Protein backbone atom coordinates (compact mmCIF):
# COMPACT_ATOMS: atom_id res chain seq x y z
CA UNK A 1 -0.22 0.03 -0.11
CA UNK A 2 1.11 3.66 -0.82
CA UNK A 3 1.92 5.52 2.00
CA UNK A 4 1.78 9.40 2.22
CA UNK A 5 5.20 10.98 2.91
CA UNK A 6 3.80 13.83 4.98
CA UNK A 7 0.62 15.12 6.53
CA UNK A 8 0.35 18.79 6.89
CA UNK A 9 -1.89 20.48 9.14
CA UNK A 10 -2.98 24.07 9.00
CA UNK A 11 -3.40 25.60 12.52
CA UNK A 12 -6.05 28.06 12.62
CA UNK A 13 -9.46 26.56 12.38
CA UNK A 14 -8.11 23.16 12.05
CA UNK A 15 -6.45 22.53 15.37
CA UNK A 16 -7.13 25.27 17.55
CA UNK A 17 -10.63 27.11 17.27
CA UNK A 18 -9.29 30.66 16.76
CA UNK A 19 -10.81 31.88 13.15
CA UNK A 20 -13.89 32.70 15.20
CA UNK A 21 -12.03 34.74 17.74
CA UNK A 22 -9.89 36.39 14.90
CA UNK A 23 -13.12 37.20 12.59
CA UNK A 24 -14.97 38.90 15.68
CA UNK A 25 -12.04 41.35 16.52
CA UNK A 26 -11.39 41.78 12.56
CA UNK A 27 -14.99 42.45 12.04
CA UNK A 28 -15.32 45.02 14.89
CA UNK A 29 -12.30 46.86 13.87
CA UNK A 30 -13.08 47.10 10.24
CA UNK A 31 -16.79 48.12 11.13
CA UNK A 32 -15.50 50.82 13.59
CA UNK A 33 -13.04 52.32 10.67
CA UNK A 34 -16.38 52.64 8.36
CA UNK A 35 -16.40 49.22 6.80
CA UNK A 36 -19.52 47.64 8.28
CA UNK A 37 -19.09 43.68 8.18
CA UNK A 38 -19.78 40.81 10.49
CA UNK A 39 -17.64 38.18 11.99
CA UNK A 40 -19.60 35.37 9.62
CA UNK A 41 -18.91 37.22 6.43
CA UNK A 42 -15.24 37.87 7.57
CA UNK A 43 -15.01 34.12 7.87
CA UNK A 44 -16.47 33.41 4.66
CA UNK A 45 -14.66 35.96 2.52
CA UNK A 46 -11.27 36.38 4.14
CA UNK A 47 -10.62 33.11 6.03
CA UNK A 48 -6.96 31.68 5.64
CA UNK A 49 -5.80 35.35 4.68
CA UNK A 50 -3.62 37.38 6.74
CA UNK A 51 -4.92 40.72 8.45
CA UNK A 52 -2.77 42.57 6.43
CA UNK A 53 -3.98 40.94 3.19
CA UNK A 54 -7.72 41.55 4.57
CA UNK A 55 -6.69 45.16 5.04
CA UNK A 56 -5.48 45.60 1.60
CA UNK A 57 -8.61 43.70 -0.01
CA UNK A 58 -11.06 46.00 1.93
CA UNK A 59 -8.87 48.99 0.72
CA UNK A 60 -8.92 47.79 -2.99
CA UNK A 61 -12.56 47.27 -2.47
CA UNK A 62 -14.04 50.00 -0.85
CA UNK A 63 -11.56 52.74 -1.58
CA UNK A 64 -11.42 53.38 2.26
CA UNK A 65 -8.04 54.48 3.43
CA UNK A 66 -7.35 52.05 6.70
CA UNK A 67 -4.77 53.19 8.92
CA UNK A 68 -1.67 51.05 9.44
CA UNK A 69 -2.35 51.24 13.44
CA UNK A 70 -5.32 48.30 12.74
CA UNK A 71 -2.37 45.95 12.07
CA UNK A 72 -1.20 46.60 15.61
CA UNK A 73 -4.40 46.79 17.32
CA UNK A 74 -5.59 43.43 15.62
CA UNK A 75 -2.60 41.57 16.87
CA UNK A 76 -2.94 42.84 20.50
CA UNK A 77 -6.55 42.37 20.80
CA UNK A 78 -6.52 39.12 19.35
CA UNK A 79 -3.56 37.79 21.23
CA UNK A 80 -5.35 38.76 24.59
CA UNK A 81 -8.44 36.99 23.42
CA UNK A 82 -6.31 33.86 22.60
CA UNK A 83 -4.87 33.75 25.95
CA UNK A 84 -8.27 34.07 27.77
CA UNK A 85 -10.76 32.16 25.45
CA UNK A 86 -8.91 29.59 22.91
CA UNK A 87 -9.57 26.07 22.89
CA UNK A 88 -8.72 23.30 20.70
CA UNK A 89 -10.61 21.96 18.02
CA UNK A 90 -12.49 18.73 19.42
CA UNK A 91 -10.64 15.51 19.04
CA UNK A 92 -7.80 17.42 17.40
CA UNK A 93 -5.09 15.76 19.56
CA UNK A 94 -6.21 12.49 19.48
CA UNK A 95 -6.48 12.69 15.68
CA UNK A 96 -3.27 13.79 15.25
CA UNK A 97 -1.87 11.30 17.94
CA UNK A 98 -3.40 8.58 15.46
CA UNK A 99 -1.25 9.94 12.33
CA UNK A 100 1.31 7.25 11.51
CA UNK A 101 2.94 9.28 8.79
CA UNK A 102 5.30 12.33 9.53
CA UNK A 103 3.38 15.35 10.25
CA UNK A 104 4.25 19.14 10.74
CA UNK A 105 2.03 22.47 10.78
CA UNK A 106 2.20 24.82 7.78
CA UNK A 107 0.46 28.22 8.63
CA UNK A 108 0.08 31.70 8.06
CA UNK A 109 0.17 32.67 11.78
CA UNK A 110 3.64 34.06 13.36
CA UNK A 111 5.77 31.57 14.91
CA UNK A 112 5.05 33.35 18.14
CA UNK A 113 1.41 33.02 17.97
CA UNK A 114 1.55 29.39 16.82
CA UNK A 115 3.71 28.52 20.08
CA UNK A 116 1.26 30.65 22.25
CA UNK A 117 -1.81 28.81 20.61
CA UNK A 118 -0.36 25.27 20.41
CA UNK A 119 0.88 25.63 24.07
CA UNK A 120 -2.13 26.60 25.65
CA UNK A 121 -4.27 23.85 24.20
CA UNK A 122 -1.76 21.16 24.34
CA UNK A 123 -0.81 20.55 21.00
CA UNK A 124 2.75 21.98 20.85
CA UNK A 125 4.67 18.98 21.69
CA UNK A 126 2.79 16.90 19.05
CA UNK A 127 4.48 18.94 16.49
CA UNK A 128 7.45 20.67 17.66
CA UNK A 129 10.00 21.60 15.98
CA UNK A 130 7.97 20.76 13.04
CA UNK A 131 6.00 24.02 12.87
CA UNK A 132 6.34 26.51 9.98
CA UNK A 133 5.04 29.94 9.73
CA UNK A 134 4.83 31.37 6.21
CA UNK A 135 5.77 34.91 7.75
CA UNK A 136 9.09 33.64 8.24
CA UNK A 137 9.64 33.46 4.54
CA UNK A 138 8.21 36.76 3.91
CA UNK A 139 5.10 38.80 3.94
CA UNK A 140 4.43 38.09 -0.13
CA UNK A 141 4.72 34.28 0.30
CA UNK A 142 1.80 33.64 2.47
CA UNK A 143 -1.17 31.71 1.42
CA UNK A 144 -2.67 31.18 -1.04
CA UNK A 145 0.68 31.03 -2.40
CA UNK A 146 2.03 27.52 -2.14
CA UNK A 147 5.27 28.68 -0.61
CA UNK A 148 4.94 27.53 3.01
CA UNK A 149 3.65 24.16 1.79
CA UNK A 150 6.79 23.65 -0.56
CA UNK A 151 9.02 24.89 2.61
CA UNK A 152 7.28 22.38 4.82
CA UNK A 153 7.66 19.28 2.50
CA UNK A 154 11.51 20.43 1.79
CA UNK A 155 12.09 20.45 5.37
CA UNK A 156 10.42 17.05 6.14
CA UNK A 157 11.92 15.46 3.05
CA UNK A 158 8.72 14.98 1.31
CA UNK A 159 7.53 14.87 -2.09
CA UNK A 160 4.80 17.02 -2.53
CA UNK A 161 2.90 14.55 -4.60
CA UNK A 162 2.96 12.28 -1.82
CA UNK A 163 1.91 14.77 0.76
CA UNK A 164 -1.67 15.46 1.99
CA UNK A 165 -2.68 18.82 3.49
CA UNK A 166 -5.93 19.39 6.24
CA UNK A 167 -6.99 22.96 5.48
CA UNK A 168 -10.24 24.92 6.49
CA UNK A 169 -10.03 27.65 4.15
CA UNK A 170 -10.32 28.37 0.32
CA UNK A 171 -7.15 30.12 0.39
CA UNK A 172 -5.08 27.31 2.09
CA UNK A 173 -6.46 24.73 -0.47
CA UNK A 174 -5.61 27.05 -3.23
CA UNK A 175 -1.85 27.23 -1.97
CA UNK A 176 -1.94 23.56 -1.33
CA UNK A 177 -3.05 22.65 -4.65
CA UNK A 178 -0.68 24.83 -6.61
CA UNK A 179 2.11 22.95 -4.31
CA UNK A 180 0.96 19.81 -6.08
CA UNK A 181 -0.38 18.54 -2.71
CA UNK A 182 -3.66 16.54 -2.05
CA UNK A 183 -6.22 18.15 0.28
CA UNK A 184 -8.61 17.13 2.99
CA UNK A 185 -11.09 20.25 3.79
CA UNK A 186 -12.14 20.70 7.20
CA UNK A 187 -15.29 22.16 8.45
CA UNK A 188 -15.32 21.71 12.17
CA UNK A 189 -14.55 25.11 13.41
CA UNK A 190 -16.59 27.51 15.29
CA UNK A 191 -16.21 29.84 12.00
CA UNK A 192 -17.99 27.21 9.40
CA UNK A 193 -20.69 28.57 7.23
CA UNK A 194 -23.66 26.84 5.28
CA UNK A 195 -21.72 26.63 2.11
CA UNK A 196 -18.26 25.87 3.68
CA UNK A 197 -18.00 22.39 2.52
CA UNK A 198 -19.19 23.23 -1.03
CA UNK A 199 -16.48 25.93 -1.50
CA UNK A 200 -13.78 23.60 0.07
CA UNK A 201 -14.37 20.95 -2.66
CA UNK A 202 -14.68 23.58 -5.43
CA UNK A 203 -11.26 25.03 -4.25
CA UNK A 204 -9.76 21.34 -4.76
CA UNK A 205 -10.42 19.56 -1.76
CA UNK A 206 -10.75 15.42 -2.47
CA UNK A 207 -13.23 15.19 0.14
CA UNK A 208 -14.43 17.17 3.33
CA UNK A 209 -14.66 16.18 7.06
CA UNK A 210 -16.48 18.16 9.97
CA UNK A 211 -15.21 15.99 12.83
CA UNK A 212 -11.68 15.37 13.80
CA UNK A 213 -12.73 11.81 14.69
CA UNK A 214 -13.07 10.93 11.04
CA UNK A 215 -9.32 11.93 9.96
CA UNK A 216 -7.78 8.78 10.67
CA UNK A 217 -10.21 6.78 8.38
CA UNK A 218 -10.28 9.24 5.73
CA UNK A 219 -6.44 9.31 5.40
CA UNK A 220 -6.59 5.50 5.35
CA UNK A 221 -9.06 5.38 2.68
CA UNK A 222 -7.18 8.21 0.61
CA UNK A 223 -3.84 6.33 1.07
CA UNK A 224 -5.19 2.82 -0.08
CA UNK A 225 -6.74 4.62 -3.08
CA UNK A 226 -3.68 6.56 -4.09
CA UNK A 227 -1.97 2.89 -3.97
CA UNK A 228 -4.46 1.68 -6.66
CA UNK A 229 -3.67 4.64 -9.23
């Protein structure tokens, strides 16, 4: 039976339930700045993007000049909420522990925030030191570009075509597919929305799950299927 070289996990919205916190913070800041938007709309439209890229997209769309201080405001407010409120995605620890292949994290979040989040929910030791931040590669190399996925595969000695990614966002799936990898979509975070699974499939996910408990069975099925190709 063919085996995957590597299983890559996104972090926000896949391992930790942080996307809803970020969406709430970002929606309030944008609304206060003159661009009314709800947390649900943030999750549906911008999940997977950095706050910097969200601001650039809003500026381009609405022609509203947004203050650079919004970058720092979001980071400081969100860090405080993460420290107080962050929880792991239900079943994430057990699902990760069941993965027999090499594994790593490839995320748009900063290295510092990744360590803070994963340590808070008890998942850090399941991945360390194989935790990779796209921000470390440069501000113009974050998802939806494939750079962080290719970097993770290179660091782990894996072939992209034998790597599978678990992602919760269209932007993340776009990057993973551009890297030549296979993708499982995840819709079990609190930021999910009615058409979430459909949009992930349209972006290139082979299948979707909404419970981490199902990951092991799906990985096994996709692994066996790849052995028949």
